[in-house]
Protein backbone atom coordinates (compact mmCIF):
# COMPACT_ATOMS: atom_id res chain seq x y z
CA MET A 1 -21.40 -12.13 24.95
CA GLY A 2 -23.38 -14.66 22.90
CA ILE A 3 -21.99 -17.91 21.51
CA SER A 4 -22.04 -16.65 17.91
CA GLU A 5 -20.19 -13.45 18.84
CA ARG A 6 -17.63 -15.43 20.83
CA LYS A 7 -17.05 -17.73 17.87
CA ALA A 8 -16.66 -14.78 15.51
CA ARG A 9 -14.06 -13.19 17.80
CA GLU A 10 -12.20 -16.47 18.12
CA LYS A 11 -12.18 -16.87 14.36
CA GLU A 12 -10.85 -13.33 13.88
CA ARG A 13 -8.19 -13.90 16.54
CA ARG A 14 -7.05 -17.11 14.86
CA ARG A 15 -7.02 -15.40 11.47
CA ASN A 16 -4.79 -12.61 12.78
CA GLU A 17 -2.46 -15.14 14.40
CA ILE A 18 -2.07 -16.85 11.03
CA ILE A 19 -1.31 -13.54 9.32
CA ASP A 20 1.22 -12.76 12.07
CA ALA A 21 2.93 -16.08 11.42
CA ALA A 22 3.01 -15.59 7.65
CA GLU A 23 4.23 -12.02 8.09
CA HIS A 24 7.11 -13.15 10.28
CA LEU A 25 8.19 -15.76 7.74
CA PHE A 26 7.71 -13.61 4.65
CA PHE A 27 9.58 -10.66 6.14
CA ASN A 28 12.50 -12.76 7.37
CA LYS A 29 12.86 -15.42 4.67
CA GLY A 30 11.31 -13.88 1.60
CA TYR A 31 7.97 -14.69 0.00
CA GLU A 32 9.23 -17.24 -2.51
CA LYS A 33 11.01 -19.33 0.13
CA VAL A 34 7.99 -19.79 2.39
CA THR A 35 5.47 -22.62 1.95
CA MET A 36 2.02 -23.14 3.42
CA ASP A 37 3.56 -25.98 5.44
CA ASP A 38 6.02 -23.48 6.94
CA ILE A 39 3.18 -21.11 7.85
CA ALA A 40 1.11 -23.88 9.42
CA GLU A 41 4.09 -24.91 11.54
CA GLU A 42 4.82 -21.31 12.57
CA ALA A 43 1.17 -20.77 13.53
CA GLU A 44 1.09 -24.14 15.32
CA LEU A 45 -1.85 -25.34 13.25
CA SER A 46 -2.52 -28.29 11.01
CA LYS A 47 -2.32 -27.53 7.31
CA GLY A 48 -5.99 -28.41 7.00
CA THR A 49 -6.95 -25.79 9.59
CA LEU A 50 -4.76 -23.21 7.83
CA TYR A 51 -6.64 -23.80 4.57
CA LEU A 52 -9.94 -23.12 6.33
CA TYR A 53 -8.77 -19.52 6.71
CA PHE A 54 -6.57 -18.94 3.65
CA ARG A 55 -6.61 -20.81 0.36
CA SER A 56 -3.05 -19.94 -0.69
CA ARG A 57 0.11 -17.99 -0.05
CA GLU A 58 -1.30 -15.30 -2.31
CA ASP A 59 -4.29 -14.85 -0.01
CA LEU A 60 -1.91 -14.46 2.94
CA HIS A 61 0.34 -12.08 1.03
CA TYR A 62 -2.74 -10.04 0.17
CA ALA A 63 -3.79 -9.93 3.85
CA ILE A 64 -0.36 -8.51 4.70
CA VAL A 65 -0.68 -5.98 1.86
CA MET A 66 -4.01 -4.87 3.34
CA ARG A 67 -2.36 -4.39 6.75
CA GLY A 68 0.26 -2.19 5.14
CA LEU A 69 -2.35 -0.17 3.27
CA GLU A 70 -4.28 0.38 6.49
CA ILE A 71 -1.14 1.83 8.08
CA LEU A 72 -0.50 4.04 5.05
CA ASN A 73 -4.13 5.18 5.05
CA ARG A 74 -3.91 6.14 8.74
CA LEU A 75 -0.70 8.10 8.16
CA ILE A 76 -2.01 10.11 5.22
CA ARG A 77 -5.28 10.92 7.00
CA GLU A 78 -3.29 12.21 9.98
CA VAL A 79 -1.58 14.88 7.84
CA TYR A 80 -4.61 15.78 5.74
CA ASP A 81 -5.71 19.37 6.35
CA PRO A 82 -9.08 20.42 4.89
CA GLN A 83 -7.97 24.05 5.15
CA LYS A 84 -5.19 23.47 2.61
CA SER A 85 -5.57 23.14 -1.15
CA GLY A 86 -5.72 19.75 -2.79
CA LEU A 87 -2.27 20.28 -4.28
CA GLU A 88 -0.77 21.10 -0.87
CA ASN A 89 -2.34 17.99 0.61
CA ILE A 90 -0.99 15.84 -2.21
CA LEU A 91 2.50 17.14 -1.40
CA GLN A 92 1.98 16.18 2.25
CA MET A 93 0.84 12.74 1.17
CA GLY A 94 4.02 12.38 -0.86
CA GLU A 95 6.07 13.03 2.26
CA VAL A 96 4.00 10.43 4.12
CA TYR A 97 4.73 7.89 1.38
CA ILE A 98 8.44 8.54 1.91
CA ARG A 99 7.98 8.05 5.66
CA PHE A 100 6.12 4.80 5.02
CA PHE A 101 8.98 3.64 2.78
CA ARG A 102 11.53 4.36 5.51
CA GLU A 103 9.66 3.27 8.66
CA TYR A 104 7.54 0.38 7.37
CA THR A 105 9.95 -1.09 4.84
CA ASP A 106 8.66 -4.67 5.05
CA TYR A 107 5.06 -3.62 4.44
CA PHE A 108 6.22 -1.34 1.65
CA LYS A 109 7.98 -4.25 -0.06
CA ALA A 110 4.94 -6.49 0.45
CA ILE A 111 2.81 -3.93 -1.40
CA MET A 112 5.40 -3.16 -4.05
CA PHE A 113 5.96 -6.76 -5.08
CA PHE A 114 2.37 -7.93 -4.97
CA ASP A 115 1.95 -8.11 -8.73
CA ALA A 116 -0.98 -8.81 -11.03
CA THR A 117 -0.32 -12.56 -11.20
CA LYS A 118 -0.67 -12.82 -7.42
CA PHE A 119 -3.76 -10.60 -7.38
CA GLU A 120 -5.48 -12.90 -9.87
CA LYS A 121 -5.05 -15.82 -7.44
CA VAL A 122 -6.61 -13.97 -4.49
CA ASP A 123 -10.07 -15.00 -3.35
CA PRO A 124 -12.43 -12.92 -5.56
CA GLY A 125 -14.50 -12.01 -2.51
CA SER A 126 -11.51 -10.28 -0.95
CA ARG A 127 -10.25 -8.32 -3.95
CA MET A 128 -12.51 -5.32 -3.51
CA GLN A 129 -10.99 -4.65 -0.08
CA ILE A 130 -8.32 -2.71 -1.89
CA LEU A 131 -10.97 -0.12 -2.77
CA GLY A 132 -12.59 -0.06 0.68
CA ASP A 133 -12.82 2.67 3.32
CA ASP A 134 -9.23 2.02 4.44
CA SER A 135 -7.82 2.33 0.93
CA PRO A 136 -5.21 5.10 0.55
CA LEU A 137 -5.78 4.99 -3.22
CA VAL A 138 -9.46 5.91 -2.81
CA PHE A 139 -8.57 8.70 -0.38
CA PHE A 140 -5.89 9.88 -2.82
CA MET A 141 -8.57 10.15 -5.51
CA GLU A 142 -10.79 12.18 -3.20
CA VAL A 143 -7.99 14.65 -2.46
CA LEU A 144 -7.29 15.00 -6.19
CA LYS A 145 -10.98 15.76 -6.76
CA GLN A 146 -10.79 18.35 -3.99
CA GLY A 147 -7.84 19.96 -5.75
CA GLN A 148 -9.73 20.05 -9.03
CA LYS A 149 -12.64 21.75 -7.31
CA ASP A 150 -10.50 24.36 -5.55
CA GLY A 151 -8.56 25.08 -8.76
CA SER A 152 -5.14 23.96 -7.54
CA ILE A 153 -5.03 20.79 -9.69
CA THR A 154 -5.62 20.49 -13.42
CA GLN A 155 -9.03 19.29 -14.55
CA GLU A 156 -7.75 18.03 -17.90
CA ILE A 157 -7.45 14.45 -16.61
CA PRO A 158 -10.11 12.67 -14.51
CA ALA A 159 -9.08 12.26 -10.87
CA GLU A 160 -9.32 8.46 -11.03
CA GLN A 161 -6.83 8.36 -13.91
CA LEU A 162 -4.58 10.93 -12.25
CA ALA A 163 -4.45 8.81 -9.10
CA ILE A 164 -3.35 5.71 -11.03
CA ILE A 165 -0.78 7.66 -13.07
CA LEU A 166 0.77 9.31 -10.02
CA TRP A 167 0.69 6.17 -7.88
CA SER A 168 2.36 4.09 -10.60
CA GLN A 169 5.01 6.69 -11.40
CA VAL A 170 6.04 7.23 -7.78
CA SER A 171 5.97 3.48 -7.19
CA GLY A 172 8.22 3.09 -10.23
CA VAL A 173 10.88 5.25 -8.60
CA PHE A 174 10.63 3.28 -5.36
CA GLU A 175 10.94 0.04 -7.29
CA PHE A 176 14.01 1.38 -9.11
CA ILE A 177 15.58 2.19 -5.75
CA ALA A 178 14.74 -1.26 -4.38
CA LEU A 179 16.13 -3.14 -7.40
CA ARG A 180 18.92 -0.84 -8.63
CA GLY A 181 19.97 1.10 -5.56
CA LYS A 182 23.65 0.31 -6.19
CA LEU A 183 23.53 2.36 -9.38
CA LEU A 184 22.31 5.37 -7.42
CA ASP A 185 25.19 4.84 -4.99
CA LEU A 186 27.64 4.94 -7.88
CA LEU A 187 26.05 8.16 -9.10
CA GLU A 188 26.07 9.52 -5.52
CA ILE A 189 22.34 10.18 -5.66
CA ASP A 190 20.47 10.16 -2.35
CA ASN A 191 17.35 7.97 -2.46
CA ILE A 192 15.12 10.35 -0.53
CA VAL A 193 16.23 13.40 -2.51
CA LEU A 194 15.45 11.49 -5.72
CA ILE A 195 11.95 10.62 -4.48
CA ARG A 196 11.25 14.18 -3.40
CA ASN A 197 12.38 15.52 -6.77
CA GLN A 198 10.16 12.98 -8.52
CA ILE A 199 7.21 14.18 -6.47
CA LYS A 200 8.05 17.79 -7.37
CA VAL A 201 8.07 16.91 -11.07
CA LEU A 202 4.72 15.18 -10.74
CA LEU A 203 3.20 18.05 -8.79
CA TYR A 204 4.35 20.51 -11.44
CA GLY A 205 2.41 18.45 -13.97
CA LEU A 206 -0.61 18.35 -11.64
CA GLU A 207 -0.76 22.05 -10.98
CA HIS A 208 -3.50 23.99 -12.69
CA LYS A 209 -1.85 26.46 -15.07
CA LYS A 210 -3.61 29.82 -15.14
CA GLU A 211 -3.93 31.41 -18.55
CA ASP A 212 -2.19 34.76 -19.06
């Protein structure tokens, strides 16, 4: 291994250790209560060294969001079946999103509450990662396009717009559950049943309607 390769590996290792430290603090204390000083102390680094890797809490939050999206991307690709219609695959992806919500709750919350104001503060060079090869949103668009080609999904709306509409609507239900779950308890509505019914409503709107 050459010196340059060794340095690159060391840099990547240190970067991941910093993300691990921030992740531990964010998940246990909450994003707003954690400072860069806290993260530097957790990672056993000087604050100056920390800033060599990440300019702000937002950059670190974004790195954690990307970890969560990589997990979600892996899960949805595992259930994707090219032999099934696009609509059937979208339904499977909906079930995966529910699984992600239940099994990777901290990552789910990190993604859910990473809003536009935080995104604007992220290093511009890193922003396009969200549309990279490991992006579940991009894969979601591709499956929608597949469904439009095989006739199972309506062609009235471009796949890119459909992806954003569906993603935001399902996320809205998850956010409602996260912020107003007590109301659902009072109404005796099961969270997972609600999400599945929301997905059914959305899929009904997606489905290509054959003319009589």
